[in-house]
Amino acid sequence: MTQLLSLPLFWAALTIAAFLAGQQLYRRTGNNAFIPPILTGIVLVVSCLELSGVSYVTYMQGGDYLHQMLGPVVVMLAVPLYQFIHTMRKQWLRIALAVTLGSGTTVACAVLLAHFWIGDDAITRTISAKSITTPVAVAISEQVGGISALASAFVIVTGILGALMIPPLLKLLRMDEPQTLGLTLGICAHAIGTSRALELGPQQSAYAAMAMTLTATLHALVLPWIV
């Protein structure tokens, strides 16, 4: 058993199995936004690590296989984006303003709140990258002097809360048009928000994927200079 727990492929397979279990639970509860697959998967993996006493370093020898696939998975989101590319070209100014102002507001709010409430420079720098995909957030966090492991946690929490709160909030405000909903999910809730958009419709997912990609690119270019 000890040899099995030290195998990288075992932890990679367990992570996939935990996510699939979370996906089944999510579907059986009627796509309940309070229990997204990624949250269930995290709870299951952390529980297994605690019960087995396996260190994070050992786990990441297998988890790194999946971590390296995050980039290609993001690129695959270009498929729904391509379906609406002609419409997006006509709206380039609106999209550019939404991404710039929206992502700038999320960064400013997070940094200011962390600075005044927590007062820790490393945490403040780390939280600035909370609204972009995990690979980019980790890289930016390292560049600006943040904590890469904490950056992943901030990204996950932000994505879950965004996917949970954005659709009903926009519906309450009567601003839940497919394009608006997709842009907001992509800007504020990155990949988790985009996965939520995939459930809502092809137009929402296309705009979410595009917004997520542009937000990550903008942050990668700008954040190292201003944080």
C-alpha atoms as a PDB file:
ATOM      1  CA  MET A   1       0.000   0.000   0.000  1.00  0.00           C
ATOM      2  CA  THR A   2       2.866   2.349   0.819  1.00  0.00           C
ATOM      3  CA  GLN A   3       4.367   1.783  -2.624  1.00  0.00           C
ATOM      4  CA  LEU A   4       1.011   2.502  -4.260  1.00  0.00           C
ATOM      5  CA  LEU A   5       0.632   5.792  -2.378  1.00  0.00           C
ATOM      6  CA  SER A   6       4.052   6.898  -3.586  1.00  0.00           C
ATOM      7  CA  LEU A   7       3.219   6.366  -7.277  1.00  0.00           C
ATOM      8  CA  PRO A   8       2.610   9.642  -9.166  1.00  0.00           C
ATOM      9  CA  LEU A   9       0.112   8.006 -11.522  1.00  0.00           C
ATOM     10  CA  PHE A  10      -1.982   6.835  -8.563  1.00  0.00           C
ATOM     11  CA  TRP A  11      -2.578  10.427  -7.434  1.00  0.00           C
ATOM     12  CA  ALA A  12      -3.213  11.616 -10.971  1.00  0.00           C
ATOM     13  CA  ALA A  13      -5.824   8.873 -11.413  1.00  0.00           C
ATOM     14  CA  LEU A  14      -7.343   9.603  -7.998  1.00  0.00           C
ATOM     15  CA  THR A  15      -7.694  13.290  -8.868  1.00  0.00           C
ATOM     16  CA  ILE A  16      -9.534  12.445 -12.090  1.00  0.00           C
ATOM     17  CA  ALA A  17     -11.762   9.962 -10.235  1.00  0.00           C
ATOM     18  CA  ALA A  18     -12.559  12.566  -7.563  1.00  0.00           C
ATOM     19  CA  PHE A  19     -13.580  15.083 -10.215  1.00  0.00           C
ATOM     20  CA  LEU A  20     -15.758  12.522 -12.012  1.00  0.00           C
ATOM     21  CA  ALA A  21     -17.425  11.673  -8.709  1.00  0.00           C
ATOM     22  CA  GLY A  22     -18.045  15.373  -8.157  1.00  0.00           C
ATOM     23  CA  GLN A  23     -19.507  15.635 -11.649  1.00  0.00           C
ATOM     24  CA  GLN A  24     -21.930  12.785 -10.958  1.00  0.00           C
ATOM     25  CA  LEU A  25     -23.017  14.393  -7.687  1.00  0.00           C
ATOM     26  CA  TYR A  26     -23.459  17.722  -9.456  1.00  0.00           C
ATOM     27  CA  ARG A  27     -25.720  16.188 -12.098  1.00  0.00           C
ATOM     28  CA  ARG A  28     -27.759  14.161  -9.613  1.00  0.00           C
ATOM     29  CA  THR A  29     -28.514  17.277  -7.587  1.00  0.00           C
ATOM     30  CA  GLY A  30     -29.838  19.083 -10.666  1.00  0.00           C
ATOM     31  CA  ASN A  31     -26.652  21.051 -11.396  1.00  0.00           C
ATOM     32  CA  ASN A  32     -26.714  22.655  -7.962  1.00  0.00           C
ATOM     33  CA  ALA A  33     -24.331  25.622  -8.123  1.00  0.00           C
ATOM     34  CA  PHE A  34     -23.460  25.191  -4.425  1.00  0.00           C
ATOM     35  CA  ILE A  35     -21.641  21.913  -5.108  1.00  0.00           C
ATOM     36  CA  PRO A  36     -19.641  22.309  -8.345  1.00  0.00           C
ATOM     37  CA  PRO A  37     -17.535  19.283  -9.380  1.00  0.00           C
ATOM     38  CA  ILE A  38     -14.264  21.055  -8.666  1.00  0.00           C
ATOM     39  CA  LEU A  39     -15.257  21.717  -5.039  1.00  0.00           C
ATOM     40  CA  THR A  40     -16.309  18.107  -4.447  1.00  0.00           C
ATOM     41  CA  GLY A  41     -13.119  16.891  -6.107  1.00  0.00           C
ATOM     42  CA  ILE A  42     -10.965  19.106  -3.877  1.00  0.00           C
ATOM     43  CA  VAL A  43     -12.705  17.868  -0.719  1.00  0.00           C
ATOM     44  CA  LEU A  44     -12.243  14.224  -1.740  1.00  0.00           C
ATOM     45  CA  VAL A  45      -8.558  14.610  -2.653  1.00  0.00           C
ATOM     46  CA  VAL A  46      -7.728  16.603   0.499  1.00  0.00           C
ATOM     47  CA  SER A  47      -9.528  13.991   2.616  1.00  0.00           C
ATOM     48  CA  CYS A  48      -7.497  11.205   1.003  1.00  0.00           C
ATOM     49  CA  LEU A  49      -4.238  13.100   1.603  1.00  0.00           C
ATOM     50  CA  GLU A  50      -5.136  13.719   5.255  1.00  0.00           C
ATOM     51  CA  LEU A  51      -6.151  10.105   5.892  1.00  0.00           C
ATOM     52  CA  SER A  52      -3.106   8.629   4.135  1.00  0.00           C
ATOM     53  CA  GLY A  53      -0.606  11.139   5.536  1.00  0.00           C
ATOM     54  CA  VAL A  54       0.862  11.728   2.079  1.00  0.00           C
ATOM     55  CA  SER A  55       2.619  15.072   1.648  1.00  0.00           C
ATOM     56  CA  TYR A  56       1.676  17.701  -0.921  1.00  0.00           C
ATOM     57  CA  VAL A  57       5.082  17.264  -2.584  1.00  0.00           C
ATOM     58  CA  THR A  58       4.393  13.569  -3.172  1.00  0.00           C
ATOM     59  CA  TYR A  59       0.889  14.293  -4.451  1.00  0.00           C
ATOM     60  CA  MET A  60       2.106  16.925  -6.895  1.00  0.00           C
ATOM     61  CA  GLN A  61       4.446  14.427  -8.547  1.00  0.00           C
ATOM     62  CA  GLY A  62       1.258  12.999 -10.031  1.00  0.00           C
ATOM     63  CA  GLY A  63      -0.803  16.182  -9.913  1.00  0.00           C
ATOM     64  CA  ASP A  64       1.780  17.883 -12.087  1.00  0.00           C
ATOM     65  CA  TYR A  65       0.683  15.717 -15.034  1.00  0.00           C
ATOM     66  CA  LEU A  66      -2.778  17.291 -14.822  1.00  0.00           C
ATOM     67  CA  HIS A  67      -1.360  20.736 -14.050  1.00  0.00           C
ATOM     68  CA  GLN A  68       0.530  20.695 -17.349  1.00  0.00           C
ATOM     69  CA  MET A  69      -2.717  19.989 -19.197  1.00  0.00           C
ATOM     70  CA  LEU A  70      -4.419  23.170 -17.974  1.00  0.00           C
ATOM     71  CA  GLY A  71      -2.896  25.233 -20.763  1.00  0.00           C
ATOM     72  CA  PRO A  72      -4.049  22.968 -23.640  1.00  0.00           C
ATOM     73  CA  VAL A  73      -7.521  22.702 -22.077  1.00  0.00           C
ATOM     74  CA  VAL A  74      -7.846  26.495 -22.099  1.00  0.00           C
ATOM     75  CA  VAL A  75      -6.795  26.546 -25.762  1.00  0.00           C
ATOM     76  CA  MET A  76      -9.581  24.063 -26.577  1.00  0.00           C
ATOM     77  CA  LEU A  77     -12.123  26.700 -25.545  1.00  0.00           C
ATOM     78  CA  ALA A  78     -11.430  28.303 -28.920  1.00  0.00           C
ATOM     79  CA  VAL A  79     -13.973  25.877 -30.418  1.00  0.00           C
ATOM     80  CA  PRO A  80     -17.136  27.598 -29.064  1.00  0.00           C
ATOM     81  CA  LEU A  81     -15.464  30.986 -29.561  1.00  0.00           C
ATOM     82  CA  TYR A  82     -15.009  30.315 -33.297  1.00  0.00           C
ATOM     83  CA  GLN A  83     -18.777  29.884 -33.742  1.00  0.00           C
ATOM     84  CA  PHE A  84     -19.441  33.515 -32.789  1.00  0.00           C
ATOM     85  CA  ILE A  85     -16.226  35.164 -33.963  1.00  0.00           C
ATOM     86  CA  HIS A  86     -17.970  37.168 -36.703  1.00  0.00           C
ATOM     87  CA  THR A  87     -20.402  38.714 -34.209  1.00  0.00           C
ATOM     88  CA  MET A  88     -17.582  39.454 -31.788  1.00  0.00           C
ATOM     89  CA  ARG A  89     -15.625  41.339 -34.423  1.00  0.00           C
ATOM     90  CA  LYS A  90     -18.480  43.827 -34.722  1.00  0.00           C
ATOM     91  CA  GLN A  91     -18.495  44.306 -30.948  1.00  0.00           C
ATOM     92  CA  TRP A  92     -14.750  44.640 -30.413  1.00  0.00           C
ATOM     93  CA  LEU A  93     -14.985  48.035 -28.690  1.00  0.00           C
ATOM     94  CA  ARG A  94     -17.688  46.915 -26.279  1.00  0.00           C
ATOM     95  CA  ILE A  95     -15.755  43.741 -25.467  1.00  0.00           C
ATOM     96  CA  ALA A  96     -12.462  45.587 -25.023  1.00  0.00           C
ATOM     97  CA  LEU A  97     -14.056  48.077 -22.635  1.00  0.00           C
ATOM     98  CA  ALA A  98     -15.816  45.322 -20.684  1.00  0.00           C
ATOM     99  CA  VAL A  99     -12.625  43.305 -20.252  1.00  0.00           C
ATOM    100  CA  THR A 100     -10.450  46.304 -19.398  1.00  0.00           C
ATOM    101  CA  LEU A 101     -12.819  48.010 -16.978  1.00  0.00           C
ATOM    102  CA  GLY A 102     -14.202  44.796 -15.514  1.00  0.00           C
ATOM    103  CA  SER A 103     -10.864  43.136 -14.837  1.00  0.00           C
ATOM    104  CA  GLY A 104      -9.371  46.418 -13.625  1.00  0.00           C
ATOM    105  CA  THR A 105     -12.214  46.830 -11.122  1.00  0.00           C
ATOM    106  CA  THR A 106     -11.830  43.286  -9.756  1.00  0.00           C
ATOM    107  CA  VAL A 107      -8.089  43.753  -9.265  1.00  0.00           C
ATOM    108  CA  ALA A 108      -8.467  47.170  -7.648  1.00  0.00           C
ATOM    109  CA  CYS A 109     -11.166  45.995  -5.225  1.00  0.00           C
ATOM    110  CA  ALA A 110      -9.276  42.852  -4.223  1.00  0.00           C
ATOM    111  CA  VAL A 111      -5.943  44.629  -3.739  1.00  0.00           C
ATOM    112  CA  LEU A 112      -7.419  47.517  -1.739  1.00  0.00           C
ATOM    113  CA  LEU A 113      -9.464  45.249   0.521  1.00  0.00           C
ATOM    114  CA  ALA A 114      -6.504  42.933   1.137  1.00  0.00           C
ATOM    115  CA  HIS A 115      -4.203  45.880   1.818  1.00  0.00           C
ATOM    116  CA  PHE A 116      -6.477  47.561   4.378  1.00  0.00           C
ATOM    117  CA  TRP A 117      -8.006  44.473   6.023  1.00  0.00           C
ATOM    118  CA  ILE A 118      -5.058  42.055   6.029  1.00  0.00           C
ATOM    119  CA  GLY A 119      -2.057  44.297   5.556  1.00  0.00           C
ATOM    120  CA  ASP A 120       0.261  41.522   4.350  1.00  0.00           C
ATOM    121  CA  ASP A 121       2.202  42.527   1.233  1.00  0.00           C
ATOM    122  CA  ALA A 122       2.644  38.964  -0.076  1.00  0.00           C
ATOM    123  CA  ILE A 123      -1.080  38.198   0.238  1.00  0.00           C
ATOM    124  CA  THR A 124      -1.998  41.507  -1.394  1.00  0.00           C
ATOM    125  CA  ARG A 125       0.252  40.750  -4.354  1.00  0.00           C
ATOM    126  CA  THR A 126      -1.103  37.217  -4.593  1.00  0.00           C
ATOM    127  CA  ILE A 127      -4.784  38.181  -4.542  1.00  0.00           C
ATOM    128  CA  SER A 128      -4.286  40.549  -7.485  1.00  0.00           C
ATOM    129  CA  ALA A 129      -4.282  37.482  -9.769  1.00  0.00           C
ATOM    130  CA  LYS A 130      -7.438  35.891  -8.359  1.00  0.00           C
ATOM    131  CA  SER A 131      -9.630  36.368 -11.447  1.00  0.00           C
ATOM    132  CA  ILE A 132      -7.526  34.601 -14.092  1.00  0.00           C
ATOM    133  CA  THR A 133      -6.910  30.961 -14.923  1.00  0.00           C
ATOM    134  CA  THR A 134      -4.701  28.968 -12.558  1.00  0.00           C
ATOM    135  CA  PRO A 135      -1.590  28.561 -14.793  1.00  0.00           C
ATOM    136  CA  VAL A 136      -1.440  32.297 -15.505  1.00  0.00           C
ATOM    137  CA  ALA A 137      -2.276  33.232 -11.897  1.00  0.00           C
ATOM    138  CA  VAL A 138       0.522  31.044 -10.524  1.00  0.00           C
ATOM    139  CA  ALA A 139       3.045  32.453 -12.995  1.00  0.00           C
ATOM    140  CA  ILE A 140       2.044  36.067 -12.311  1.00  0.00           C
ATOM    141  CA  SER A 141       2.049  35.496  -8.570  1.00  0.00           C
ATOM    142  CA  GLU A 142       5.632  34.289  -8.724  1.00  0.00           C
ATOM    143  CA  GLN A 143       6.639  37.295 -10.838  1.00  0.00           C
ATOM    144  CA  VAL A 144       5.140  39.882  -8.481  1.00  0.00           C
ATOM    145  CA  GLY A 145       6.442  38.298  -5.286  1.00  0.00           C
ATOM    146  CA  GLY A 146       3.251  36.522  -4.231  1.00  0.00           C
ATOM    147  CA  ILE A 147       2.598  32.993  -2.969  1.00  0.00           C
ATOM    148  CA  SER A 148       1.900  30.605  -5.843  1.00  0.00           C
ATOM    149  CA  ALA A 149       0.116  27.936  -3.762  1.00  0.00           C
ATOM    150  CA  LEU A 150      -2.159  30.590  -2.265  1.00  0.00           C
ATOM    151  CA  ALA A 151      -2.806  31.999  -5.741  1.00  0.00           C
ATOM    152  CA  SER A 152      -4.379  28.681  -6.764  1.00  0.00           C
ATOM    153  CA  ALA A 153      -6.656  28.777  -3.713  1.00  0.00           C
ATOM    154  CA  PHE A 154      -7.751  32.351  -4.447  1.00  0.00           C
ATOM    155  CA  VAL A 155      -8.482  31.429  -8.069  1.00  0.00           C
ATOM    156  CA  ILE A 156     -10.637  28.445  -7.070  1.00  0.00           C
ATOM    157  CA  VAL A 157     -12.619  30.371  -4.433  1.00  0.00           C
ATOM    158  CA  THR A 158     -13.157  33.276  -6.837  1.00  0.00           C
ATOM    159  CA  GLY A 159     -14.334  30.945  -9.598  1.00  0.00           C
ATOM    160  CA  ILE A 160     -16.765  29.047  -7.381  1.00  0.00           C
ATOM    161  CA  LEU A 161     -18.276  32.212  -5.890  1.00  0.00           C
ATOM    162  CA  GLY A 162     -18.480  33.856  -9.315  1.00  0.00           C
ATOM    163  CA  ALA A 163     -20.180  30.882 -10.957  1.00  0.00           C
ATOM    164  CA  LEU A 164     -22.602  30.734  -8.031  1.00  0.00           C
ATOM    165  CA  MET A 165     -23.489  34.428  -7.739  1.00  0.00           C
ATOM    166  CA  ILE A 166     -23.215  35.948 -11.223  1.00  0.00           C
ATOM    167  CA  PRO A 167     -26.161  34.249 -13.058  1.00  0.00           C
ATOM    168  CA  PRO A 168     -28.810  34.963 -10.383  1.00  0.00           C
ATOM    169  CA  LEU A 169     -27.432  38.467  -9.747  1.00  0.00           C
ATOM    170  CA  LEU A 170     -27.595  39.442 -13.419  1.00  0.00           C
ATOM    171  CA  LYS A 171     -31.051  37.901 -13.675  1.00  0.00           C
ATOM    172  CA  LEU A 172     -32.180  39.982 -10.701  1.00  0.00           C
ATOM    173  CA  LEU A 173     -30.817  43.106 -12.384  1.00  0.00           C
ATOM    174  CA  ARG A 174     -32.415  42.081 -15.719  1.00  0.00           C
ATOM    175  CA  MET A 175     -29.006  42.112 -17.392  1.00  0.00           C
ATOM    176  CA  ASP A 176     -28.786  38.389 -18.150  1.00  0.00           C
ATOM    177  CA  GLU A 177     -28.485  38.575 -21.936  1.00  0.00           C
ATOM    178  CA  PRO A 178     -26.291  35.718 -23.213  1.00  0.00           C
ATOM    179  CA  GLN A 179     -23.436  38.004 -24.254  1.00  0.00           C
ATOM    180  CA  THR A 180     -23.432  39.981 -21.006  1.00  0.00           C
ATOM    181  CA  LEU A 181     -23.648  36.849 -18.899  1.00  0.00           C
ATOM    182  CA  GLY A 182     -20.818  35.177 -20.794  1.00  0.00           C
ATOM    183  CA  LEU A 183     -18.533  38.205 -20.591  1.00  0.00           C
ATOM    184  CA  THR A 184     -19.139  38.606 -16.864  1.00  0.00           C
ATOM    185  CA  LEU A 185     -18.497  34.941 -16.096  1.00  0.00           C
ATOM    186  CA  GLY A 186     -15.292  34.946 -18.152  1.00  0.00           C
ATOM    187  CA  ILE A 187     -13.938  38.164 -16.641  1.00  0.00           C
ATOM    188  CA  CYS A 188     -14.815  37.530 -13.001  1.00  0.00           C
ATOM    189  CA  ALA A 189     -14.880  33.741 -12.632  1.00  0.00           C
ATOM    190  CA  HIS A 190     -12.308  32.572 -15.248  1.00  0.00           C
ATOM    191  CA  ALA A 191     -12.342  28.827 -16.117  1.00  0.00           C
ATOM    192  CA  ILE A 192     -14.906  27.803 -13.504  1.00  0.00           C
ATOM    193  CA  GLY A 193     -17.211  30.549 -14.727  1.00  0.00           C
ATOM    194  CA  THR A 194     -16.618  29.448 -18.301  1.00  0.00           C
ATOM    195  CA  SER A 195     -17.545  25.870 -17.420  1.00  0.00           C
ATOM    196  CA  ARG A 196     -20.758  27.255 -15.920  1.00  0.00           C
ATOM    197  CA  ALA A 197     -21.339  29.206 -19.145  1.00  0.00           C
ATOM    198  CA  LEU A 198     -20.998  25.973 -21.134  1.00  0.00           C
ATOM    199  CA  GLU A 199     -24.069  24.704 -19.301  1.00  0.00           C
ATOM    200  CA  LEU A 200     -26.058  27.860 -20.060  1.00  0.00           C
ATOM    201  CA  GLY A 201     -25.615  27.865 -23.838  1.00  0.00           C
ATOM    202  CA  PRO A 202     -23.170  28.121 -26.754  1.00  0.00           C
ATOM    203  CA  GLN A 203     -23.276  31.927 -26.941  1.00  0.00           C
ATOM    204  CA  GLN A 204     -22.596  32.325 -23.227  1.00  0.00           C
ATOM    205  CA  SER A 205     -19.705  29.864 -23.399  1.00  0.00           C
ATOM    206  CA  ALA A 206     -18.175  31.544 -26.451  1.00  0.00           C
ATOM    207  CA  TYR A 207     -18.194  34.991 -24.844  1.00  0.00           C
ATOM    208  CA  ALA A 208     -16.974  33.591 -21.528  1.00  0.00           C
ATOM    209  CA  ALA A 209     -14.062  31.805 -23.202  1.00  0.00           C
ATOM    210  CA  MET A 210     -13.085  34.903 -25.109  1.00  0.00           C
ATOM    211  CA  ALA A 211     -13.375  37.159 -22.036  1.00  0.00           C
ATOM    212  CA  MET A 212     -11.371  34.729 -19.916  1.00  0.00           C
ATOM    213  CA  THR A 213      -8.603  34.567 -22.517  1.00  0.00           C
ATOM    214  CA  LEU A 214      -8.410  38.346 -22.979  1.00  0.00           C
ATOM    215  CA  THR A 215      -8.478  38.928 -19.214  1.00  0.00           C
ATOM    216  CA  ALA A 216      -5.631  36.476 -18.642  1.00  0.00           C
ATOM    217  CA  THR A 217      -3.601  38.085 -21.440  1.00  0.00           C
ATOM    218  CA  LEU A 218      -4.225  41.603 -20.126  1.00  0.00           C
ATOM    219  CA  HIS A 219      -3.286  40.642 -16.576  1.00  0.00           C
ATOM    220  CA  ALA A 220      -0.149  38.824 -17.721  1.00  0.00           C
ATOM    221  CA  LEU A 221       1.006  41.969 -19.533  1.00  0.00           C
ATOM    222  CA  VAL A 222      -0.030  44.603 -17.012  1.00  0.00           C
ATOM    223  CA  LEU A 223       0.041  43.173 -13.480  1.00  0.00           C
ATOM    224  CA  PRO A 224       3.837  42.606 -13.254  1.00  0.00           C
ATOM    225  CA  TRP A 225       4.293  46.317 -14.004  1.00  0.00           C
ATOM    226  CA  ILE A 226       1.769  47.764 -11.572  1.00  0.00           C
ATOM    227  CA  VAL A 227       1.742  45.399  -8.569  1.00  0.00           C
END
